[in-house]
């Protein structure tokens, strides 16, 4: 099955790396360099919701948690799984992601791109992630 994936990260190298991994697996990928860009795309009239949104936490302007809060509050991207993909792995960050109803949390430094792909697909298909579960 082909999924629509939105990747959001201010690190262009990582953004390109993950985009290539998902595209090589046959998925439709859109990339955004920050929360503002992502939210603008989601708010567009007639925008089709992705199957999953991967969000970095620390970005200039609107960060990942702020973007996630807006997605939930404005009911953007209905049905999309939102996964935090960050180097921030403190318990307080994971708790905040839970409170904001993130569907998963992956720590970049602990996961190679193929694991990020696998976790994302698992989250889309089962509704929850494995190691990065927020249950």
C-alpha atoms as a PDB file:
ATOM      1  CA  UNK A   1       0.000   0.000   0.000  1.00  0.00           C
ATOM      2  CA  UNK A   2       1.208   3.502  -0.826  1.00  0.00           C
ATOM      3  CA  UNK A   3       0.938   6.073   1.979  1.00  0.00           C
ATOM      4  CA  UNK A   4       1.083   9.865   1.983  1.00  0.00           C
ATOM      5  CA  UNK A   5       3.782  10.979   4.396  1.00  0.00           C
ATOM      6  CA  UNK A   6       4.499  14.541   5.560  1.00  0.00           C
ATOM      7  CA  UNK A   7       8.019  15.021   6.950  1.00  0.00           C
ATOM      8  CA  UNK A   8       8.808  18.158   8.961  1.00  0.00           C
ATOM      9  CA  UNK A   9      12.339  18.975  10.087  1.00  0.00           C
ATOM     10  CA  UNK A  10      14.596  22.031   9.880  1.00  0.00           C
ATOM     11  CA  UNK A  11      17.652  19.815   9.254  1.00  0.00           C
ATOM     12  CA  UNK A  12      17.740  19.615   5.449  1.00  0.00           C
ATOM     13  CA  UNK A  13      20.129  16.651   5.422  1.00  0.00           C
ATOM     14  CA  UNK A  14      17.867  14.536   7.645  1.00  0.00           C
ATOM     15  CA  UNK A  15      14.762  15.687   5.792  1.00  0.00           C
ATOM     16  CA  UNK A  16      16.265  14.555   2.487  1.00  0.00           C
ATOM     17  CA  UNK A  17      17.545  11.307   4.015  1.00  0.00           C
ATOM     18  CA  UNK A  18      14.121  10.314   5.369  1.00  0.00           C
ATOM     19  CA  UNK A  19      12.344  11.489   2.205  1.00  0.00           C
ATOM     20  CA  UNK A  20      14.558   9.277   0.024  1.00  0.00           C
ATOM     21  CA  UNK A  21      13.958   6.288   2.325  1.00  0.00           C
ATOM     22  CA  UNK A  22      10.169   6.683   2.167  1.00  0.00           C
ATOM     23  CA  UNK A  23      10.117   7.414  -1.582  1.00  0.00           C
ATOM     24  CA  UNK A  24      12.321   4.395  -2.336  1.00  0.00           C
ATOM     25  CA  UNK A  25       9.746   2.305  -0.462  1.00  0.00           C
ATOM     26  CA  UNK A  26       7.085   3.648  -2.855  1.00  0.00           C
ATOM     27  CA  UNK A  27       5.398   6.252  -0.674  1.00  0.00           C
ATOM     28  CA  UNK A  28       4.205   9.750  -1.582  1.00  0.00           C
ATOM     29  CA  UNK A  29       6.295  12.208   0.456  1.00  0.00           C
ATOM     30  CA  UNK A  30       5.961  15.938   1.062  1.00  0.00           C
ATOM     31  CA  UNK A  31       8.682  17.743   3.011  1.00  0.00           C
ATOM     32  CA  UNK A  32       8.411  20.851   5.161  1.00  0.00           C
ATOM     33  CA  UNK A  33      11.268  22.780   6.760  1.00  0.00           C
ATOM     34  CA  UNK A  34       9.205  23.986   9.705  1.00  0.00           C
ATOM     35  CA  UNK A  35       5.899  23.991  11.528  1.00  0.00           C
ATOM     36  CA  UNK A  36       4.589  27.080   9.730  1.00  0.00           C
ATOM     37  CA  UNK A  37       5.037  25.421   6.329  1.00  0.00           C
ATOM     38  CA  UNK A  38       3.333  22.240   7.504  1.00  0.00           C
ATOM     39  CA  UNK A  39       0.376  24.055   9.031  1.00  0.00           C
ATOM     40  CA  UNK A  40      -0.071  26.227   5.914  1.00  0.00           C
ATOM     41  CA  UNK A  41      -0.264  23.080   3.761  1.00  0.00           C
ATOM     42  CA  UNK A  42      -2.749  21.415   6.121  1.00  0.00           C
ATOM     43  CA  UNK A  43      -4.943  24.536   6.276  1.00  0.00           C
ATOM     44  CA  UNK A  44      -5.179  24.910   2.490  1.00  0.00           C
ATOM     45  CA  UNK A  45      -8.677  24.628   1.077  1.00  0.00           C
ATOM     46  CA  UNK A  46      -9.192  21.117  -0.234  1.00  0.00           C
ATOM     47  CA  UNK A  47      -5.982  19.795   1.337  1.00  0.00           C
ATOM     48  CA  UNK A  48      -5.858  16.006   1.429  1.00  0.00           C
ATOM     49  CA  UNK A  49      -4.744  14.709   4.809  1.00  0.00           C
ATOM     50  CA  UNK A  50      -1.628  12.544   4.841  1.00  0.00           C
ATOM     51  CA  UNK A  51      -1.581   9.103   6.404  1.00  0.00           C
ATOM     52  CA  UNK A  52       1.253  10.163   8.723  1.00  0.00           C
ATOM     53  CA  UNK A  53       3.044  13.328   9.814  1.00  0.00           C
ATOM     54  CA  UNK A  54       6.547  13.061  11.233  1.00  0.00           C
ATOM     55  CA  UNK A  55       7.421  16.110  13.318  1.00  0.00           C
ATOM     56  CA  UNK A  56      10.722  17.292  14.728  1.00  0.00           C
ATOM     57  CA  UNK A  57      10.349  19.038  18.100  1.00  0.00           C
ATOM     58  CA  UNK A  58      13.023  21.742  17.943  1.00  0.00           C
ATOM     59  CA  UNK A  59      12.574  24.011  14.913  1.00  0.00           C
ATOM     60  CA  UNK A  60      12.744  27.786  14.481  1.00  0.00           C
ATOM     61  CA  UNK A  61       9.378  29.526  14.630  1.00  0.00           C
ATOM     62  CA  UNK A  62       6.610  26.985  15.160  1.00  0.00           C
ATOM     63  CA  UNK A  63       8.141  23.871  16.730  1.00  0.00           C
ATOM     64  CA  UNK A  64       6.794  20.345  16.620  1.00  0.00           C
ATOM     65  CA  UNK A  65       4.761  20.506  19.816  1.00  0.00           C
ATOM     66  CA  UNK A  66       3.158  23.791  18.758  1.00  0.00           C
ATOM     67  CA  UNK A  67       2.355  22.335  15.337  1.00  0.00           C
ATOM     68  CA  UNK A  68       0.878  19.203  16.930  1.00  0.00           C
ATOM     69  CA  UNK A  69      -1.222  21.318  19.275  1.00  0.00           C
ATOM     70  CA  UNK A  70      -2.586  23.320  16.315  1.00  0.00           C
ATOM     71  CA  UNK A  71      -3.270  20.120  14.333  1.00  0.00           C
ATOM     72  CA  UNK A  72      -5.328  18.711  17.221  1.00  0.00           C
ATOM     73  CA  UNK A  73      -7.050  21.981  18.158  1.00  0.00           C
ATOM     74  CA  UNK A  74      -8.045  22.845  14.561  1.00  0.00           C
ATOM     75  CA  UNK A  75      -8.822  19.229  13.651  1.00  0.00           C
ATOM     76  CA  UNK A  76      -6.365  19.342  10.748  1.00  0.00           C
ATOM     77  CA  UNK A  77      -5.218  16.176   8.998  1.00  0.00           C
ATOM     78  CA  UNK A  78      -8.173  14.045  10.076  1.00  0.00           C
ATOM     79  CA  UNK A  79      -7.136  10.430  10.442  1.00  0.00           C
ATOM     80  CA  UNK A  80      -3.415  11.156  10.102  1.00  0.00           C
ATOM     81  CA  UNK A  81      -1.045   9.533  12.573  1.00  0.00           C
ATOM     82  CA  UNK A  82       1.303  12.099  14.094  1.00  0.00           C
ATOM     83  CA  UNK A  83       4.703  10.817  15.144  1.00  0.00           C
ATOM     84  CA  UNK A  84       7.281  12.915  16.940  1.00  0.00           C
ATOM     85  CA  UNK A  85      10.713  12.311  15.366  1.00  0.00           C
ATOM     86  CA  UNK A  86      13.222  14.103  17.551  1.00  0.00           C
ATOM     87  CA  UNK A  87      16.540  13.936  19.334  1.00  0.00           C
ATOM     88  CA  UNK A  88      14.715  15.197  22.418  1.00  0.00           C
ATOM     89  CA  UNK A  89      14.120  12.026  24.408  1.00  0.00           C
ATOM     90  CA  UNK A  90      13.576  13.332  27.921  1.00  0.00           C
ATOM     91  CA  UNK A  91      10.612  11.936  29.837  1.00  0.00           C
ATOM     92  CA  UNK A  92       9.072  15.418  29.957  1.00  0.00           C
ATOM     93  CA  UNK A  93       9.076  15.590  26.146  1.00  0.00           C
ATOM     94  CA  UNK A  94       7.529  12.143  25.810  1.00  0.00           C
ATOM     95  CA  UNK A  95       4.873  13.073  28.405  1.00  0.00           C
ATOM     96  CA  UNK A  96       4.106  16.282  26.519  1.00  0.00           C
ATOM     97  CA  UNK A  97       3.704  14.292  23.282  1.00  0.00           C
ATOM     98  CA  UNK A  98       1.246  11.987  25.093  1.00  0.00           C
ATOM     99  CA  UNK A  99      -0.758  14.942  26.392  1.00  0.00           C
ATOM    100  CA  UNK A 100      -0.951  16.343  22.857  1.00  0.00           C
ATOM    101  CA  UNK A 101      -2.150  12.946  21.583  1.00  0.00           C
ATOM    102  CA  UNK A 102       0.868  12.050  19.458  1.00  0.00           C
ATOM    103  CA  UNK A 103       0.554   8.559  18.000  1.00  0.00           C
ATOM    104  CA  UNK A 104       4.244   7.730  18.383  1.00  0.00           C
ATOM    105  CA  UNK A 105       7.625   9.038  19.455  1.00  0.00           C
ATOM    106  CA  UNK A 106      10.875   8.086  17.736  1.00  0.00           C
ATOM    107  CA  UNK A 107      14.253   9.303  18.962  1.00  0.00           C
ATOM    108  CA  UNK A 108      16.367  10.062  15.870  1.00  0.00           C
ATOM    109  CA  UNK A 109      19.682   9.159  17.451  1.00  0.00           C
ATOM    110  CA  UNK A 110      18.347   5.706  18.376  1.00  0.00           C
ATOM    111  CA  UNK A 111      16.772   4.803  15.026  1.00  0.00           C
ATOM    112  CA  UNK A 112      18.267   4.349  11.570  1.00  0.00           C
ATOM    113  CA  UNK A 113      16.110   5.491   8.623  1.00  0.00           C
ATOM    114  CA  UNK A 114      14.843   1.960   7.881  1.00  0.00           C
ATOM    115  CA  UNK A 115      13.623   1.722  11.498  1.00  0.00           C
ATOM    116  CA  UNK A 116      11.885   5.102  11.178  1.00  0.00           C
ATOM    117  CA  UNK A 117      10.173   3.804   8.034  1.00  0.00           C
ATOM    118  CA  UNK A 118       9.151   0.544   9.750  1.00  0.00           C
ATOM    119  CA  UNK A 119       7.829   2.326  12.873  1.00  0.00           C
ATOM    120  CA  UNK A 120       5.868   4.794  10.747  1.00  0.00           C
ATOM    121  CA  UNK A 121       4.249   2.033   8.683  1.00  0.00           C
ATOM    122  CA  UNK A 122       3.453   0.056  11.844  1.00  0.00           C
ATOM    123  CA  UNK A 123       1.827   3.121  13.392  1.00  0.00           C
ATOM    124  CA  UNK A 124      -0.277   3.780  10.284  1.00  0.00           C
ATOM    125  CA  UNK A 125      -1.359   0.170   9.929  1.00  0.00           C
ATOM    126  CA  UNK A 126      -1.974  -0.764  13.566  1.00  0.00           C
ATOM    127  CA  UNK A 127      -2.650   2.581  15.171  1.00  0.00           C
ATOM    128  CA  UNK A 128       0.328   2.325  17.491  1.00  0.00           C
ATOM    129  CA  UNK A 129       4.079   2.141  17.238  1.00  0.00           C
ATOM    130  CA  UNK A 130       6.359  -0.459  18.776  1.00  0.00           C
ATOM    131  CA  UNK A 131       9.385   0.837  20.653  1.00  0.00           C
ATOM    132  CA  UNK A 132       8.224   4.434  20.399  1.00  0.00           C
ATOM    133  CA  UNK A 133       4.720   3.691  21.687  1.00  0.00           C
ATOM    134  CA  UNK A 134       2.967   6.286  23.756  1.00  0.00           C
ATOM    135  CA  UNK A 135       0.530   3.970  25.509  1.00  0.00           C
END
